[in-house]
Amino acid sequence: MSRIKIYLLLALCLMLPMSKLSAQDSARLLAGVDFDTYFYNSEYSGMQIGESQTLFSSRLTPKIGLEWEEKNQLMVAIDMLSNFGQNNVAFDKVRPQIYYRFSAPKVRAHAGIFSREEMIGDYSDIFLSDSTRFYDNRVQGFMGQYIGNRAHAELSIDWCGMFSYHSREKFRILSSGRYYLDRYHKRFYAGYALQLFHYAGSEQIQGCVVDNIIINPFLGTRFNAWADFDLKLHYIQTMQRDRSVEQSMRTPRGAMLEAKISKWGVYIDEQIYFGDNLQPYYSHSKHRGFEMGYGSDLYAGERFFGTEGGIYNSTEIGYANSFFNQTVSVNAYIALQNDGYKWGTKQVVQLSVKLLKDIRLTKKK
């Protein structure tokens, strides 16, 4: 609870300059709250990879801030996570979001600690799994975005681990872009997604640096024929090296076909991956002390892209929609997954509520 008091004090400090800002006609007070509930259940018994488990959590994020000149925002939020069933603690994690946001018609920028939901890039499950997006929901650093008529692009730097006695130094650079090949209908597009992940040591772990680079160009088409179709073909090239024990890069690669069909909120999302094990250090490493691998600390993507079977197939059948002027959204699906050897299933339900109110600080004349 002491951390909550500190974050509330930060929010009050942010409100102190209001008397000066009120002299500006454009100054507004922003106050809101986000609420997210996430349920995840997997049944992977007998499969080569993947862990059967159930996760059930919620997150409450009250926020307050200032907006001026219509383009600038300075925000403070408190990110409070609760895992259901742990009745001995009120919140399992209490973390801040403190950021500056610039927003123009074609350019946006963020600096500080902000929600991963601000990202607009085409990052598939190879980069970030569903559970990672929920439980590791913050970006700590910078992000810039361009949004044009035929193209959009973004670049973010996330400093997700500080060098200390208990923590390894880690940072992730993500970039993505999309360009529509036809100007008017926007039926055909080309794009890319890119990750540079630097996974270094700590005061306890010396001489241990692992590189994890992912390059993902893609081509796609979208059209309507009774239902909405979105078809995308990916090429995935990775470059990975455990520098302390290996002299050369490992370069696992593959291809993935992604097809989504949706109508009235009901959708089928199909992913078929062919290729190498994209997570070679997940459960195996030559580094002394890490013979069991680096696990999810190194790989934030869907675990099944580490298959040794040469193929991974996932079929999601679900419903996603928004209600009440986009303030409430729900996504629920069941996924049938094959790791190249056997089939398993997972079920996911996520409900989100997002409320934001702006209050003009100046009186009308």
Foldseek 3Di string as FASTA:
>chain_A
DVVVVVLVVVQVVQCVCLVVVLVAQFKKKKWWKKKKWKWKAWDQPPAPDDDGDIWTKMWMKTKIWMDGPNFKIWMKIWIFMDTPPPVVDPGPDIDIFTWMWGDDPFKIKIAAKDFPVVDDFDDDLQAANPVCCVPVGIAGGMKMKTDDQFKIKMKGKGQPWDAEAPTWGKIKIKMKMKGQPDRPPSFKIKMKIKMWIWTGGHPVDPPWIKTKIKIKIKIWGWDDDPWTKIKMKIKIWIWMDRVNPDDGTDIWIWIKIWMWTDDPQKIKIKIKIFTAQSQVQQQADPDPPRRGGDHCVRGNGDNLSRAHLRMKIKIKTWGWDADDVRQKIKIWIKMWMDSNDDIIIMIMIMIMGIDMDMGNSYDDD
